[in-house]
Protein backbone atom coordinates (compact mmCIF):
# COMPACT_ATOMS: atom_id res chain seq x y z
CA UNK A 1 3.05 77.59 23.21
CA UNK A 2 6.51 78.53 21.95
CA UNK A 3 8.27 75.54 20.37
CA UNK A 4 11.87 76.58 19.67
CA UNK A 5 12.99 73.14 18.50
CA UNK A 6 10.40 73.04 15.70
CA UNK A 7 11.07 76.60 14.50
CA UNK A 8 12.78 76.70 11.10
CA UNK A 9 14.11 80.24 11.66
CA UNK A 10 17.65 80.11 13.01
CA UNK A 11 18.67 81.78 16.24
CA UNK A 12 21.15 83.89 14.26
CA UNK A 13 18.31 85.21 12.12
CA UNK A 14 16.23 85.90 15.22
CA UNK A 15 19.09 87.92 16.69
CA UNK A 16 19.39 89.89 13.44
CA UNK A 17 15.67 90.70 13.52
CA UNK A 18 15.83 91.74 17.16
CA UNK A 19 18.67 94.14 16.34
CA UNK A 20 16.78 95.49 13.34
CA UNK A 21 13.61 96.03 15.40
CA UNK A 22 15.67 97.95 17.97
CA UNK A 23 17.19 100.21 15.31
CA UNK A 24 13.77 100.92 13.81
CA UNK A 25 12.43 101.90 17.23
CA UNK A 26 15.50 103.98 17.99
CA UNK A 27 15.04 105.94 14.77
CA UNK A 28 11.63 107.13 16.03
CA UNK A 29 13.28 109.06 18.88
CA UNK A 30 16.68 109.59 17.26
CA UNK A 31 18.44 108.34 20.37
CA UNK A 32 18.33 105.76 23.11
CA UNK A 33 19.93 102.70 24.65
CA UNK A 34 20.76 101.28 21.25
CA UNK A 35 24.20 100.01 22.21
CA UNK A 36 22.70 97.75 24.88
CA UNK A 37 19.96 96.48 22.55
CA UNK A 38 22.56 95.48 19.98
CA UNK A 39 24.86 93.87 22.54
CA UNK A 40 22.18 91.70 24.21
CA UNK A 41 20.27 90.59 21.09
CA UNK A 42 21.96 87.18 20.90
CA UNK A 43 21.09 86.41 24.53
CA UNK A 44 17.46 87.43 23.98
CA UNK A 45 17.25 85.36 20.79
CA UNK A 46 18.33 82.26 22.70
CA UNK A 47 16.05 83.01 25.66
CA UNK A 48 12.92 83.52 23.58
CA UNK A 49 13.54 81.07 20.74
CA UNK A 50 15.79 78.44 22.26
CA UNK A 51 14.71 78.11 25.88
CA UNK A 52 11.55 79.74 27.22
CA UNK A 53 7.96 78.51 27.23
CA UNK A 54 5.28 81.13 26.57
CA UNK A 55 2.12 81.87 24.62
CA UNK A 56 2.19 85.24 22.81
CA UNK A 57 -1.61 85.27 22.56
CA UNK A 58 -1.92 84.57 26.30
CA UNK A 59 0.84 86.55 28.08
CA UNK A 60 -0.54 85.67 31.53
CA UNK A 61 -0.58 81.90 30.89
CA UNK A 62 0.21 80.32 34.25
CA UNK A 63 2.57 77.70 32.80
CA UNK A 64 4.86 80.25 31.17
CA UNK A 65 8.48 80.90 31.98
CA UNK A 66 8.96 84.44 33.32
CA UNK A 67 11.53 86.91 31.99
CA UNK A 68 12.30 89.75 34.41
CA UNK A 69 14.15 92.74 32.98
CA UNK A 70 15.97 94.26 35.93
CA UNK A 71 17.78 96.89 33.87
CA UNK A 72 14.66 98.75 32.77
CA UNK A 73 16.54 101.00 30.35
CA UNK A 74 17.13 97.88 28.20
CA UNK A 75 13.38 97.93 27.44
CA UNK A 76 14.00 98.72 23.78
CA UNK A 77 15.91 95.42 23.53
CA UNK A 78 13.15 93.41 25.19
CA UNK A 79 10.48 95.10 23.06
CA UNK A 80 12.47 94.11 20.00
CA UNK A 81 12.35 90.47 21.16
CA UNK A 82 8.65 90.68 22.06
CA UNK A 83 7.85 91.94 18.56
CA UNK A 84 9.77 89.04 17.07
CA UNK A 85 8.02 86.57 19.41
CA UNK A 86 4.56 87.85 18.44
CA UNK A 87 3.51 89.59 21.65
CA UNK A 88 3.16 92.90 19.80
CA UNK A 89 2.02 93.78 16.25
CA UNK A 90 4.69 95.20 13.89
CA UNK A 91 2.83 98.47 13.34
CA UNK A 92 3.52 99.48 16.96
CA UNK A 93 7.27 99.70 16.30
CA UNK A 94 6.87 103.30 15.19
CA UNK A 95 5.17 104.30 18.46
CA UNK A 96 8.26 103.69 20.62
CA UNK A 97 8.61 106.29 23.38
CA UNK A 98 5.63 108.31 22.12
CA UNK A 99 2.62 109.58 24.04
CA UNK A 100 0.09 106.83 24.83
CA UNK A 101 2.46 104.16 23.50
CA UNK A 102 2.66 100.68 25.01
CA UNK A 103 6.43 101.02 24.58
CA UNK A 104 7.74 103.54 27.15
CA UNK A 105 11.49 104.11 27.17
CA UNK A 106 11.80 102.31 30.52
CA UNK A 107 9.98 98.99 30.92
CA UNK A 108 6.55 99.10 32.58
CA UNK A 109 4.70 95.86 33.30
CA UNK A 110 1.30 97.60 33.25
CA UNK A 111 1.88 98.90 29.71
CA UNK A 112 3.39 96.10 27.64
CA UNK A 113 2.22 92.51 27.02
CA UNK A 114 5.02 90.14 28.01
CA UNK A 115 6.77 92.65 30.29
CA UNK A 116 6.86 90.91 33.68
CA UNK A 117 8.21 93.74 35.88
CA UNK A 118 8.61 97.51 35.84
CA UNK A 119 12.19 98.69 35.69
CA UNK A 120 13.92 102.00 36.23
CA UNK A 121 15.35 101.87 39.72
CA UNK A 122 18.23 99.47 39.20
CA UNK A 123 19.23 96.43 41.22
CA UNK A 124 15.79 94.97 42.01
CA UNK A 125 15.21 92.34 39.34
CA UNK A 126 17.09 89.56 41.07
CA UNK A 127 15.31 89.95 44.41
CA UNK A 128 11.94 90.07 42.64
CA UNK A 129 12.94 86.91 40.79
CA UNK A 130 13.70 85.20 44.10
CA UNK A 131 10.16 85.94 45.26
CA UNK A 132 8.66 84.72 41.99
CA UNK A 133 10.68 81.50 42.19
CA UNK A 134 9.55 80.83 45.74
CA UNK A 135 5.94 81.42 44.75
CA UNK A 136 6.15 79.09 41.76
CA UNK A 137 7.71 76.35 43.91
CA UNK A 138 4.90 76.62 46.43
CA UNK A 139 2.42 76.22 43.58
CA UNK A 140 4.24 73.12 42.36
CA UNK A 141 5.03 74.77 39.04
CA UNK A 142 7.91 73.61 36.85
CA UNK A 143 8.27 77.03 35.21
CA UNK A 144 11.61 78.82 35.17
CA UNK A 145 12.22 82.45 36.04
CA UNK A 146 14.85 84.23 33.97
CA UNK A 147 16.25 87.59 34.97
CA UNK A 148 18.65 89.88 33.14
CA UNK A 149 20.72 92.51 34.91
CA UNK A 150 23.76 94.54 33.95
CA UNK A 151 27.31 94.78 35.27
CA UNK A 152 26.50 98.30 36.46
CA UNK A 153 23.86 96.81 38.74
CA UNK A 154 26.59 94.91 40.55
CA UNK A 155 27.14 98.24 42.35
CA UNK A 156 23.81 97.70 44.11
CA UNK A 157 23.61 95.87 47.43
CA UNK A 158 20.22 94.37 46.58
CA UNK A 159 21.87 92.28 43.87
CA UNK A 160 24.16 90.63 46.42
CA UNK A 161 21.27 90.09 48.81
CA UNK A 162 19.44 88.38 45.97
CA UNK A 163 22.43 86.21 45.18
CA UNK A 164 22.70 85.11 48.79
CA UNK A 165 18.99 84.44 49.31
CA UNK A 166 18.56 82.51 46.04
CA UNK A 167 21.35 80.13 47.06
CA UNK A 168 19.91 79.81 50.57
CA UNK A 169 16.54 78.74 49.17
CA UNK A 170 18.17 76.43 46.58
CA UNK A 171 16.22 78.03 43.76
CA UNK A 172 16.94 75.68 40.89
CA UNK A 173 14.12 77.31 38.90
CA UNK A 174 16.10 80.56 38.62
CA UNK A 175 18.40 81.38 35.69
CA UNK A 176 20.06 84.80 35.83
CA UNK A 177 22.09 86.54 33.16
CA UNK A 178 24.48 89.41 33.81
CA UNK A 179 25.42 91.54 30.80
CA UNK A 180 29.08 92.49 31.17
CA UNK A 181 29.61 95.20 28.56
CA UNK A 182 31.81 97.28 30.88
CA UNK A 183 29.77 100.42 30.34
CA UNK A 184 27.48 102.44 32.59
CA UNK A 185 26.37 106.05 32.77
CA UNK A 186 29.43 107.24 34.69
CA UNK A 187 32.04 105.32 32.70
CA UNK A 188 33.53 101.80 32.50
CA UNK A 189 31.72 99.57 35.00
CA UNK A 190 34.92 97.88 36.13
CA UNK A 191 36.39 101.26 37.10
CA UNK A 192 33.29 102.62 38.84
CA UNK A 193 33.11 99.62 41.16
CA UNK A 194 35.51 96.72 40.58
CA UNK A 195 33.60 93.43 40.42
CA UNK A 196 36.16 90.91 39.20
CA UNK A 197 36.86 88.07 39.71
CA UNK A 198 33.14 87.75 39.07
CA UNK A 199 32.87 84.02 38.44
CA UNK A 200 34.68 83.17 41.66
CA UNK A 201 32.48 85.55 43.65
CA UNK A 202 29.27 84.09 42.22
CA UNK A 203 30.43 80.55 42.89
CA UNK A 204 31.33 81.53 46.45
CA UNK A 205 27.74 82.73 46.87
CA UNK A 206 26.53 79.24 45.94
CA UNK A 207 25.53 79.70 42.29
CA UNK A 208 26.19 77.36 39.37
CA UNK A 209 28.11 79.77 37.15
CA UNK A 210 29.10 79.83 33.49
CA UNK A 211 30.89 82.59 31.58
CA UNK A 212 30.53 82.93 27.82
CA UNK A 213 30.95 85.32 24.93
CA UNK A 214 27.46 86.80 24.91
CA UNK A 215 27.73 87.54 21.20
CA UNK A 216 28.57 83.93 20.29
CA UNK A 217 25.09 82.55 19.82
CA UNK A 218 26.17 78.90 19.87
CA UNK A 219 28.02 79.41 23.15
CA UNK A 220 25.01 81.20 24.64
CA UNK A 221 22.66 78.41 23.54
CA UNK A 222 24.93 75.77 25.07
CA UNK A 223 25.08 77.73 28.32
CA UNK A 224 21.28 78.01 28.51
CA UNK A 225 20.89 74.28 27.87
CA UNK A 226 23.44 73.45 30.56
CA UNK A 227 21.78 75.83 33.03
CA UNK A 228 18.33 74.31 32.50
CA UNK A 229 19.64 70.77 32.87
CA UNK A 230 22.01 71.35 35.79
CA UNK A 231 21.20 68.54 38.25
CA UNK A 232 21.94 70.25 41.57
CA UNK A 233 19.45 72.23 43.63
CA UNK A 234 21.05 75.64 43.19
CA UNK A 235 20.38 78.80 41.18
CA UNK A 236 22.17 79.21 37.87
CA UNK A 237 23.80 82.28 36.35
CA UNK A 238 25.36 83.00 32.97
CA UNK A 239 27.94 85.79 32.81
CA UNK A 240 27.67 87.20 29.27
CA UNK A 241 30.61 89.26 27.98
CA UNK A 242 29.18 91.46 25.23
CA UNK A 243 30.14 94.32 22.90
CA UNK A 244 28.12 97.51 23.01
CA UNK A 245 26.67 98.20 19.57
CA UNK A 246 27.40 94.66 18.34
CA UNK A 247 26.50 94.24 14.67
CA UNK A 248 26.95 97.91 13.71
CA UNK A 249 30.71 98.58 13.59
CA UNK A 250 30.60 102.38 13.71
CA UNK A 251 28.44 102.23 16.86
CA UNK A 252 30.73 99.62 18.43
CA UNK A 253 33.64 102.03 17.98
CA UNK A 254 32.04 105.01 19.72
CA UNK A 255 33.85 105.81 22.93
CA UNK A 256 30.67 106.77 24.80
CA UNK A 257 27.78 104.55 23.82
CA UNK A 258 25.76 104.10 27.01
CA UNK A 259 23.03 106.39 25.63
CA UNK A 260 23.52 107.08 21.95
CA UNK A 261 22.41 110.05 19.92
CA UNK A 262 22.35 108.95 16.26
CA UNK A 263 22.19 111.58 13.54
CA UNK A 264 19.26 111.31 11.12
CA UNK A 265 21.37 110.09 8.20
CA UNK A 266 23.10 107.46 10.34
CA UNK A 267 20.06 105.26 10.94
CA UNK A 268 20.05 103.98 7.38
CA UNK A 269 23.80 103.48 7.60
CA UNK A 270 23.27 101.43 10.75
CA UNK A 271 20.60 99.28 9.10
CA UNK A 272 22.82 98.80 6.05
CA UNK A 273 25.76 97.77 8.25
CA UNK A 274 23.55 95.29 10.09
CA UNK A 275 22.33 93.82 6.79
CA UNK A 276 25.90 93.60 5.49
CA UNK A 277 26.90 91.61 8.55
CA UNK A 278 23.94 89.31 8.01
CA UNK A 279 25.05 88.57 4.45
CA UNK A 280 28.72 88.04 5.33
């Protein structure tokens, strides 16, 4: 079973390795949702190495916490975390997005150990999480369900139905994270469909809500701890403000970085920039 408290590797180092894994996979295809993988790495590091219970050698262990990736195009980010957590062997990194790979570009539960739901059609992760939480409660399980969705998914009505139903059922075993990077395929998320004031809206729907800098790993860890230990019978959500391409400055600065095409010579520059940030 995962034992974050006894792990000598720091969360900051885990986040670095997750980012590096994502870059190595991205280099295989020369493009992808790299900006999102870099922006959410700190949140995934805390989830997998500071919060969740799981057994990498037994992905279907009944006592595990579940992580549902609603935004299926973030699969490269979750794969990067699953490699670091030991669900997948390192040699499979180079198969990303290839024929017969267990690492398709959009997450598929039937392909990848540790992938709890298939993504692609956005806006469904939260409602699936509600069902999982209800099922676990009926079994008497103390497991948590975590779900990650993006600010672009706030355009989808199913998200708001999920928010309402989770509060109605008092699902205190549900911890959601929304990645607010203000970027989606058609432009800035806040301009496509205005969602602020987000915290006030979520609280009005009955959720215990926190908002943090999603690239401040200490703040993220504190938010996860508070969410898990919140005493009231209500679902919990962490609004994570993140920077697309975080950790690789020249990718952070790109105006359009929802789906990034990286030139062949730039991958080594990206890895070098990531390493330089690690040493700083």
